[in-house]
Amino acid sequence: MRKFVDDKGRTWTASVARSESGDYKGRCHLALEEASSAGKRRVELADVRWNSLRTGERTVETMSDVELRRRLRAALGRDARS
């Protein structure tokens, strides 16, 4: 897990979530959760995928804050259109 701050000053946690599919390839994906107690919003990016939790966690730990904010904007934009 990795904490970062978005463009509006809100704290988010980036982590890796596991899909329940039987497919080994890409069964783990990026999940972002707002850390505020008021609105525990969670968005998931199923297109950012890894084959294992270990690989995903290592990647999340090395992602820059800029990259995490970019991924968050993409996820929130998709979520708003749903």
PDB file of N, CA and C in Angstrom:
ATOM      1  N   MET A   1       0.839  -1.179   0.000  1.00  0.00           N
ATOM      2  CA  MET A   1       0.000   0.000   0.000  1.00  0.00           C
ATOM      3  C   MET A   1       0.879   1.236   0.000  1.00  0.00           C
ATOM      4  N   ARG A   2       0.353   2.267  -0.607  1.00  0.00           N
ATOM      5  CA  ARG A   2       1.111   3.507  -0.706  1.00  0.00           C
ATOM      6  C   ARG A   2       0.149   4.678  -0.602  1.00  0.00           C
ATOM      7  N   LYS A   3       0.455   5.625   0.258  1.00  0.00           N
ATOM      8  CA  LYS A   3      -0.373   6.820   0.412  1.00  0.00           C
ATOM      9  C   LYS A   3       0.171   7.920  -0.480  1.00  0.00           C
ATOM     10  N   PHE A   4      -0.754   8.723  -1.017  1.00  0.00           N
ATOM     11  CA  PHE A   4      -0.380   9.882  -1.821  1.00  0.00           C
ATOM     12  C   PHE A   4      -1.489  10.917  -1.723  1.00  0.00           C
ATOM     13  N   VAL A   5      -1.190  12.135  -2.139  1.00  0.00           N
ATOM     14  CA  VAL A   5      -2.141  13.245  -2.063  1.00  0.00           C
ATOM     15  C   VAL A   5      -2.534  13.644  -3.476  1.00  0.00           C
ATOM     16  N   ASP A   6      -3.833  13.815  -3.702  1.00  0.00           N
ATOM     17  CA  ASP A   6      -4.302  14.190  -5.039  1.00  0.00           C
ATOM     18  C   ASP A   6      -4.181  15.693  -5.253  1.00  0.00           C
ATOM     19  N   ASP A   7      -4.655  16.162  -6.398  1.00  0.00           N
ATOM     20  CA  ASP A   7      -4.560  17.581  -6.767  1.00  0.00           C
ATOM     21  C   ASP A   7      -5.364  18.488  -5.850  1.00  0.00           C
ATOM     22  N   LYS A   8      -6.351  17.948  -5.152  1.00  0.00           N
ATOM     23  CA  LYS A   8      -7.203  18.734  -4.255  1.00  0.00           C
ATOM     24  C   LYS A   8      -6.790  18.609  -2.798  1.00  0.00           C
ATOM     25  N   GLY A   9      -5.682  17.945  -2.527  1.00  0.00           N
ATOM     26  CA  GLY A   9      -5.176  17.818  -1.166  1.00  0.00           C
ATOM     27  C   GLY A   9      -5.744  16.655  -0.367  1.00  0.00           C
ATOM     28  N   ARG A  10      -6.534  15.803  -1.006  1.00  0.00           N
ATOM     29  CA  ARG A  10      -7.101  14.640  -0.316  1.00  0.00           C
ATOM     30  C   ARG A  10      -6.081  13.502  -0.328  1.00  0.00           C
ATOM     31  N   THR A  11      -6.044  12.754   0.760  1.00  0.00           N
ATOM     32  CA  THR A  11      -5.126  11.619   0.859  1.00  0.00           C
ATOM     33  C   THR A  11      -5.808  10.356   0.337  1.00  0.00           C
ATOM     34  N   TRP A  12      -5.069   9.603  -0.478  1.00  0.00           N
ATOM     35  CA  TRP A  12      -5.545   8.352  -1.058  1.00  0.00           C
ATOM     36  C   TRP A  12      -4.541   7.253  -0.757  1.00  0.00           C
ATOM     37  N   THR A  13      -5.003   6.026  -0.794  1.00  0.00           N
ATOM     38  CA  THR A  13      -4.143   4.860  -0.642  1.00  0.00           C
ATOM     39  C   THR A  13      -4.222   4.033  -1.918  1.00  0.00           C
ATOM     40  N   ALA A  14      -3.065   3.750  -2.490  1.00  0.00           N
ATOM     41  CA  ALA A  14      -2.990   2.888  -3.672  1.00  0.00           C
ATOM     42  C   ALA A  14      -2.614   1.484  -3.201  1.00  0.00           C
ATOM     43  N   SER A  15      -3.316   0.493  -3.705  1.00  0.00           N
ATOM     44  CA  SER A  15      -3.030  -0.885  -3.319  1.00  0.00           C
ATOM     45  C   SER A  15      -3.340  -1.810  -4.497  1.00  0.00           C
ATOM     46  N   VAL A  16      -3.158  -3.086  -4.267  1.00  0.00           N
ATOM     47  CA  VAL A  16      -3.407  -4.093  -5.291  1.00  0.00           C
ATOM     48  C   VAL A  16      -4.582  -4.955  -4.842  1.00  0.00           C
ATOM     49  N   ALA A  17      -5.553  -5.108  -5.731  1.00  0.00           N
ATOM     50  CA  ALA A  17      -6.719  -5.949  -5.454  1.00  0.00           C
ATOM     51  C   ALA A  17      -6.655  -7.186  -6.341  1.00  0.00           C
ATOM     52  N   ARG A  18      -7.197  -8.276  -5.863  1.00  0.00           N
ATOM     53  CA  ARG A  18      -7.184  -9.531  -6.611  1.00  0.00           C
ATOM     54  C   ARG A  18      -8.570  -9.796  -7.193  1.00  0.00           C
ATOM     55  N   SER A  19      -8.599 -10.149  -8.458  1.00  0.00           N
ATOM     56  CA  SER A  19      -9.850 -10.530  -9.118  1.00  0.00           C
ATOM     57  C   SER A  19     -10.136 -11.988  -8.813  1.00  0.00           C
ATOM     58  N   GLU A  20     -11.382 -12.352  -8.835  1.00  0.00           N
ATOM     59  CA  GLU A  20     -11.778 -13.728  -8.542  1.00  0.00           C
ATOM     60  C   GLU A  20     -11.860 -14.586  -9.792  1.00  0.00           C
ATOM     61  N   SER A  21     -11.323 -14.095 -10.896  1.00  0.00           N
ATOM     62  CA  SER A  21     -11.379 -14.884 -12.129  1.00  0.00           C
ATOM     63  C   SER A  21     -10.382 -16.037 -12.056  1.00  0.00           C
ATOM     64  N   GLY A  22     -10.608 -17.053 -12.855  1.00  0.00           N
ATOM     65  CA  GLY A  22      -9.722 -18.205 -12.883  1.00  0.00           C
ATOM     66  C   GLY A  22      -8.480 -17.962 -13.729  1.00  0.00           C
ATOM     67  N   ASP A  23      -8.438 -16.831 -14.421  1.00  0.00           N
ATOM     68  CA  ASP A  23      -7.318 -16.509 -15.299  1.00  0.00           C
ATOM     69  C   ASP A  23      -6.119 -16.067 -14.480  1.00  0.00           C
ATOM     70  N   TYR A  24      -4.982 -16.716 -14.692  1.00  0.00           N
ATOM     71  CA  TYR A  24      -3.771 -16.359 -13.955  1.00  0.00           C
ATOM     72  C   TYR A  24      -3.220 -15.027 -14.434  1.00  0.00           C
ATOM     73  N   LYS A  25      -3.216 -14.798 -15.722  1.00  0.00           N
ATOM     74  CA  LYS A  25      -2.633 -13.569 -16.264  1.00  0.00           C
ATOM     75  C   LYS A  25      -3.511 -12.381 -15.915  1.00  0.00           C
ATOM     76  N   GLY A  26      -2.926 -11.420 -15.255  1.00  0.00           N
ATOM     77  CA  GLY A  26      -3.633 -10.185 -14.954  1.00  0.00           C
ATOM     78  C   GLY A  26      -4.724 -10.303 -13.924  1.00  0.00           C
ATOM     79  N   ARG A  27      -4.573 -11.201 -12.968  1.00  0.00           N
ATOM     80  CA  ARG A  27      -5.651 -11.357 -11.980  1.00  0.00           C
ATOM     81  C   ARG A  27      -5.588 -10.329 -10.852  1.00  0.00           C
ATOM     82  N   CYS A  28      -4.521  -9.544 -10.795  1.00  0.00           N
ATOM     83  CA  CYS A  28      -4.401  -8.485  -9.787  1.00  0.00           C
ATOM     84  C   CYS A  28      -4.428  -7.132 -10.493  1.00  0.00           C
ATOM     85  N   HIS A  29      -5.049  -6.139  -9.861  1.00  0.00           N
ATOM     86  CA  HIS A  29      -5.164  -4.827 -10.485  1.00  0.00           C
ATOM     87  C   HIS A  29      -5.048  -3.711  -9.452  1.00  0.00           C
ATOM     88  N   LEU A  30      -4.918  -2.493  -9.950  1.00  0.00           N
ATOM     89  CA  LEU A  30      -4.725  -1.315  -9.101  1.00  0.00           C
ATOM     90  C   LEU A  30      -6.043  -0.871  -8.478  1.00  0.00           C
ATOM     91  N   ALA A  31      -6.016  -0.596  -7.178  1.00  0.00           N
ATOM     92  CA  ALA A  31      -7.177  -0.087  -6.456  1.00  0.00           C
ATOM     93  C   ALA A  31      -6.760   1.176  -5.701  1.00  0.00           C
ATOM     94  N   LEU A  32      -7.615   2.190  -5.740  1.00  0.00           N
ATOM     95  CA  LEU A  32      -7.336   3.462  -5.069  1.00  0.00           C
ATOM     96  C   LEU A  32      -8.483   3.781  -4.125  1.00  0.00           C
ATOM     97  N   GLU A  33      -8.145   4.098  -2.876  1.00  0.00           N
ATOM     98  CA  GLU A  33      -9.176   4.360  -1.875  1.00  0.00           C
ATOM     99  C   GLU A  33      -8.876   5.661  -1.151  1.00  0.00           C
ATOM    100  N   GLU A  34      -9.905   6.500  -1.054  1.00  0.00           N
ATOM    101  CA  GLU A  34      -9.756   7.768  -0.349  1.00  0.00           C
ATOM    102  C   GLU A  34      -9.602   7.488   1.141  1.00  0.00           C
ATOM    103  N   ALA A  35      -8.661   8.170   1.774  1.00  0.00           N
ATOM    104  CA  ALA A  35      -8.340   7.885   3.175  1.00  0.00           C
ATOM    105  C   ALA A  35      -9.173   8.686   4.169  1.00  0.00           C
ATOM    106  N   SER A  36      -9.983   9.609   3.696  1.00  0.00           N
ATOM    107  CA  SER A  36     -10.765  10.420   4.634  1.00  0.00           C
ATOM    108  C   SER A  36     -11.840   9.577   5.299  1.00  0.00           C
ATOM    109  N   SER A  37     -12.177   9.930   6.507  1.00  0.00           N
ATOM    110  CA  SER A  37     -13.198   9.177   7.234  1.00  0.00           C
ATOM    111  C   SER A  37     -14.591   9.519   6.733  1.00  0.00           C
ATOM    112  N   ALA A  38     -14.731  10.658   6.072  1.00  0.00           N
ATOM    113  CA  ALA A  38     -16.052  11.107   5.630  1.00  0.00           C
ATOM    114  C   ALA A  38     -16.582  10.316   4.428  1.00  0.00           C
ATOM    115  N   GLY A  39     -15.736  10.090   3.439  1.00  0.00           N
ATOM    116  CA  GLY A  39     -16.274   9.502   2.224  1.00  0.00           C
ATOM    117  C   GLY A  39     -15.460   8.387   1.629  1.00  0.00           C
ATOM    118  N   LYS A  40     -15.201   7.365   2.286  1.00  0.00           N
ATOM    119  CA  LYS A  40     -14.395   6.215   1.849  1.00  0.00           C
ATOM    120  C   LYS A  40     -14.688   5.799   0.408  1.00  0.00           C
ATOM    121  N   ARG A  41     -14.293   6.622  -0.529  1.00  0.00           N
ATOM    122  CA  ARG A  41     -14.517   6.305  -1.939  1.00  0.00           C
ATOM    123  C   ARG A  41     -13.428   5.363  -2.427  1.00  0.00           C
ATOM    124  N   ARG A  42     -13.827   4.357  -3.224  1.00  0.00           N
ATOM    125  CA  ARG A  42     -12.867   3.394  -3.757  1.00  0.00           C
ATOM    126  C   ARG A  42     -13.112   3.246  -5.256  1.00  0.00           C
ATOM    127  N   VAL A  43     -12.038   3.336  -6.014  1.00  0.00           N
ATOM    128  CA  VAL A  43     -12.102   3.116  -7.454  1.00  0.00           C
ATOM    129  C   VAL A  43     -11.047   2.081  -7.822  1.00  0.00           C
ATOM    130  N   GLU A  44     -11.352   1.280  -8.825  1.00  0.00           N
ATOM    131  CA  GLU A  44     -10.419   0.244  -9.254  1.00  0.00           C
ATOM    132  C   GLU A  44     -10.139   0.399 -10.736  1.00  0.00           C
ATOM    133  N   LEU A  45      -8.901   0.174 -11.110  1.00  0.00           N
ATOM    134  CA  LEU A  45      -8.485   0.236 -12.503  1.00  0.00           C
ATOM    135  C   LEU A  45      -8.147  -1.178 -12.959  1.00  0.00           C
ATOM    136  N   ALA A  46      -9.099  -1.826 -13.575  1.00  0.00           N
ATOM    137  CA  ALA A  46      -8.902  -3.206 -14.007  1.00  0.00           C
ATOM    138  C   ALA A  46      -7.930  -3.303 -15.181  1.00  0.00           C
ATOM    139  N   ASP A  47      -7.642  -2.178 -15.848  1.00  0.00           N
ATOM    140  CA  ASP A  47      -6.713  -2.221 -16.972  1.00  0.00           C
ATOM    141  C   ASP A  47      -5.253  -2.076 -16.544  1.00  0.00           C
ATOM    142  N   VAL A  48      -5.004  -1.779 -15.282  1.00  0.00           N
ATOM    143  CA  VAL A  48      -3.639  -1.763 -14.732  1.00  0.00           C
ATOM    144  C   VAL A  48      -3.505  -3.080 -13.976  1.00  0.00           C
ATOM    145  N   ARG A  49      -2.900  -4.091 -14.629  1.00  0.00           N
ATOM    146  CA  ARG A  49      -2.947  -5.448 -14.100  1.00  0.00           C
ATOM    147  C   ARG A  49      -1.562  -6.057 -13.919  1.00  0.00           C
ATOM    148  N   TRP A  50      -1.513  -7.000 -12.972  1.00  0.00           N
ATOM    149  CA  TRP A  50      -0.298  -7.768 -12.703  1.00  0.00           C
ATOM    150  C   TRP A  50      -0.679  -9.233 -12.518  1.00  0.00           C
ATOM    151  N   ASN A  51       0.314 -10.100 -12.689  1.00  0.00           N
ATOM    152  CA  ASN A  51       0.068 -11.534 -12.536  1.00  0.00           C
ATOM    153  C   ASN A  51       0.087 -11.986 -11.080  1.00  0.00           C
ATOM    154  N   SER A  52       0.714 -11.204 -10.192  1.00  0.00           N
ATOM    155  CA  SER A  52       0.768 -11.613  -8.785  1.00  0.00           C
ATOM    156  C   SER A  52       0.671 -10.388  -7.879  1.00  0.00           C
ATOM    157  N   LEU A  53       0.257 -10.644  -6.636  1.00  0.00           N
ATOM    158  CA  LEU A  53       0.202  -9.561  -5.647  1.00  0.00           C
ATOM    159  C   LEU A  53       1.589  -8.964  -5.422  1.00  0.00           C
ATOM    160  N   ARG A  54       2.579  -9.819  -5.356  1.00  0.00           N
ATOM    161  CA  ARG A  54       3.945  -9.364  -5.095  1.00  0.00           C
ATOM    162  C   ARG A  54       4.421  -8.382  -6.170  1.00  0.00           C
ATOM    163  N   THR A  55       4.192  -8.715  -7.419  1.00  0.00           N
ATOM    164  CA  THR A  55       4.595  -7.835  -8.512  1.00  0.00           C
ATOM    165  C   THR A  55       3.822  -6.523  -8.466  1.00  0.00           C
ATOM    166  N   GLY A  56       2.528  -6.608  -8.233  1.00  0.00           N
ATOM    167  CA  GLY A  56       1.708  -5.407  -8.140  1.00  0.00           C
ATOM    168  C   GLY A  56       2.131  -4.503  -7.003  1.00  0.00           C
ATOM    169  N   GLU A  57       2.366  -5.080  -5.837  1.00  0.00           N
ATOM    170  CA  GLU A  57       2.784  -4.282  -4.671  1.00  0.00           C
ATOM    171  C   GLU A  57       4.136  -3.611  -4.912  1.00  0.00           C
ATOM    172  N   ARG A  58       5.053  -4.331  -5.528  1.00  0.00           N
ATOM    173  CA  ARG A  58       6.363  -3.751  -5.829  1.00  0.00           C
ATOM    174  C   ARG A  58       6.221  -2.587  -6.806  1.00  0.00           C
ATOM    175  N   THR A  59       5.371  -2.744  -7.792  1.00  0.00           N
ATOM    176  CA  THR A  59       5.154  -1.685  -8.777  1.00  0.00           C
ATOM    177  C   THR A  59       4.510  -0.463  -8.134  1.00  0.00           C
ATOM    178  N   VAL A  60       3.490  -0.673  -7.306  1.00  0.00           N
ATOM    179  CA  VAL A  60       2.817   0.448  -6.638  1.00  0.00           C
ATOM    180  C   VAL A  60       3.805   1.214  -5.766  1.00  0.00           C
ATOM    181  N   GLU A  61       4.676   0.517  -5.067  1.00  0.00           N
ATOM    182  CA  GLU A  61       5.665   1.168  -4.208  1.00  0.00           C
ATOM    183  C   GLU A  61       6.642   2.041  -4.997  1.00  0.00           C
ATOM    184  N   THR A  62       6.878   1.701  -6.259  1.00  0.00           N
ATOM    185  CA  THR A  62       7.842   2.457  -7.061  1.00  0.00           C
ATOM    186  C   THR A  62       7.192   3.502  -7.962  1.00  0.00           C
ATOM    187  N   MET A  63       5.869   3.545  -8.002  1.00  0.00           N
ATOM    188  CA  MET A  63       5.179   4.538  -8.835  1.00  0.00           C
ATOM    189  C   MET A  63       5.357   5.927  -8.237  1.00  0.00           C
ATOM    190  N   SER A  64       5.536   6.912  -9.089  1.00  0.00           N
ATOM    191  CA  SER A  64       5.681   8.293  -8.618  1.00  0.00           C
ATOM    192  C   SER A  64       4.312   8.845  -8.219  1.00  0.00           C
ATOM    193  N   ASP A  65       4.323   9.897  -7.423  1.00  0.00           N
ATOM    194  CA  ASP A  65       3.073  10.558  -7.042  1.00  0.00           C
ATOM    195  C   ASP A  65       2.365  11.104  -8.278  1.00  0.00           C
ATOM    196  N   VAL A  66       3.129  11.590  -9.234  1.00  0.00           N
ATOM    197  CA  VAL A  66       2.548  12.110 -10.474  1.00  0.00           C
ATOM    198  C   VAL A  66       1.787  11.007 -11.200  1.00  0.00           C
ATOM    199  N   GLU A  67       2.379   9.823 -11.294  1.00  0.00           N
ATOM    200  CA  GLU A  67       1.735   8.690 -11.961  1.00  0.00           C
ATOM    201  C   GLU A  67       0.479   8.256 -11.208  1.00  0.00           C
ATOM    202  N   LEU A  68       0.546   8.209  -9.894  1.00  0.00           N
ATOM    203  CA  LEU A  68      -0.624   7.821  -9.097  1.00  0.00           C
ATOM    204  C   LEU A  68      -1.752   8.837  -9.264  1.00  0.00           C
ATOM    205  N   ARG A  69      -1.423  10.135  -9.265  1.00  0.00           N
ATOM    206  CA  ARG A  69      -2.455  11.149  -9.469  1.00  0.00           C
ATOM    207  C   ARG A  69      -3.063  11.039 -10.870  1.00  0.00           C
ATOM    208  N   ARG A  70      -2.253  10.739 -11.872  1.00  0.00           N
ATOM    209  CA  ARG A  70      -2.754  10.570 -13.242  1.00  0.00           C
ATOM    210  C   ARG A  70      -3.703   9.375 -13.322  1.00  0.00           C
ATOM    211  N   ARG A  71      -3.321   8.279 -12.699  1.00  0.00           N
ATOM    212  CA  ARG A  71      -4.186   7.088 -12.685  1.00  0.00           C
ATOM    213  C   ARG A  71      -5.491   7.368 -11.937  1.00  0.00           C
ATOM    214  N   LEU A  72      -5.404   8.121 -10.844  1.00  0.00           N
ATOM    215  CA  LEU A  72      -6.601   8.469 -10.078  1.00  0.00           C
ATOM    216  C   LEU A  72      -7.547   9.325 -10.907  1.00  0.00           C
ATOM    217  N   ARG A  73      -7.018  10.325 -11.600  1.00  0.00           N
ATOM    218  CA  ARG A  73      -7.863  11.167 -12.449  1.00  0.00           C
ATOM    219  C   ARG A  73      -8.578  10.324 -13.506  1.00  0.00           C
ATOM    220  N   ALA A  74      -7.849   9.387 -14.107  1.00  0.00           N
ATOM    221  CA  ALA A  74      -8.454   8.508 -15.109  1.00  0.00           C
ATOM    222  C   ALA A  74      -9.573   7.668 -14.496  1.00  0.00           C
ATOM    223  N   ALA A  75      -9.326   7.114 -13.327  1.00  0.00           N
ATOM    224  CA  ALA A  75     -10.323   6.260 -12.659  1.00  0.00           C
ATOM    225  C   ALA A  75     -11.555   7.068 -12.255  1.00  0.00           C
ATOM    226  N   LEU A  76     -11.351   8.262 -11.713  1.00  0.00           N
ATOM    227  CA  LEU A  76     -12.493   9.094 -11.305  1.00  0.00           C
ATOM    228  C   LEU A  76     -13.275   9.573 -12.509  1.00  0.00           C
ATOM    229  N   GLY A  77     -12.597   9.851 -13.610  1.00  0.00           N
ATOM    230  CA  GLY A  77     -13.287  10.253 -14.833  1.00  0.00           C
ATOM    231  C   GLY A  77     -14.164   9.143 -15.363  1.00  0.00           C
ATOM    232  N   ARG A  78     -13.669   7.926 -15.328  1.00  0.00           N
ATOM    233  CA  ARG A  78     -14.461   6.771 -15.775  1.00  0.00           C
ATOM    234  C   ARG A  78     -15.644   6.546 -14.835  1.00  0.00           C
ATOM    235  N   ASP A  79     -15.384   6.673 -13.529  1.00  0.00           N
ATOM    236  CA  ASP A  79     -16.413   6.442 -12.519  1.00  0.00           C
ATOM    237  C   ASP A  79     -17.543   7.457 -12.657  1.00  0.00           C
ATOM    238  N   ALA A  80     -17.215   8.692 -12.991  1.00  0.00           N
ATOM    239  CA  ALA A  80     -18.211   9.746 -13.122  1.00  0.00           C
ATOM    240  C   ALA A  80     -19.134   9.509 -14.313  1.00  0.00           C
ATOM    241  N   ARG A  81     -18.608   8.844 -15.339  1.00  0.00           N
ATOM    242  CA  ARG A  81     -19.416   8.561 -16.534  1.00  0.00           C
ATOM    243  C   ARG A  81     -20.317   7.347 -16.349  1.00  0.00           C
ATOM    244  N   SER A  82     -20.097   6.575 -15.317  1.00  0.00           N
ATOM    245  CA  SER A  82     -20.892   5.343 -15.102  1.00  0.00           C
ATOM    246  C   SER A  82     -22.283   5.664 -14.635  1.00  0.00           C
TER     247      SER A  82
END
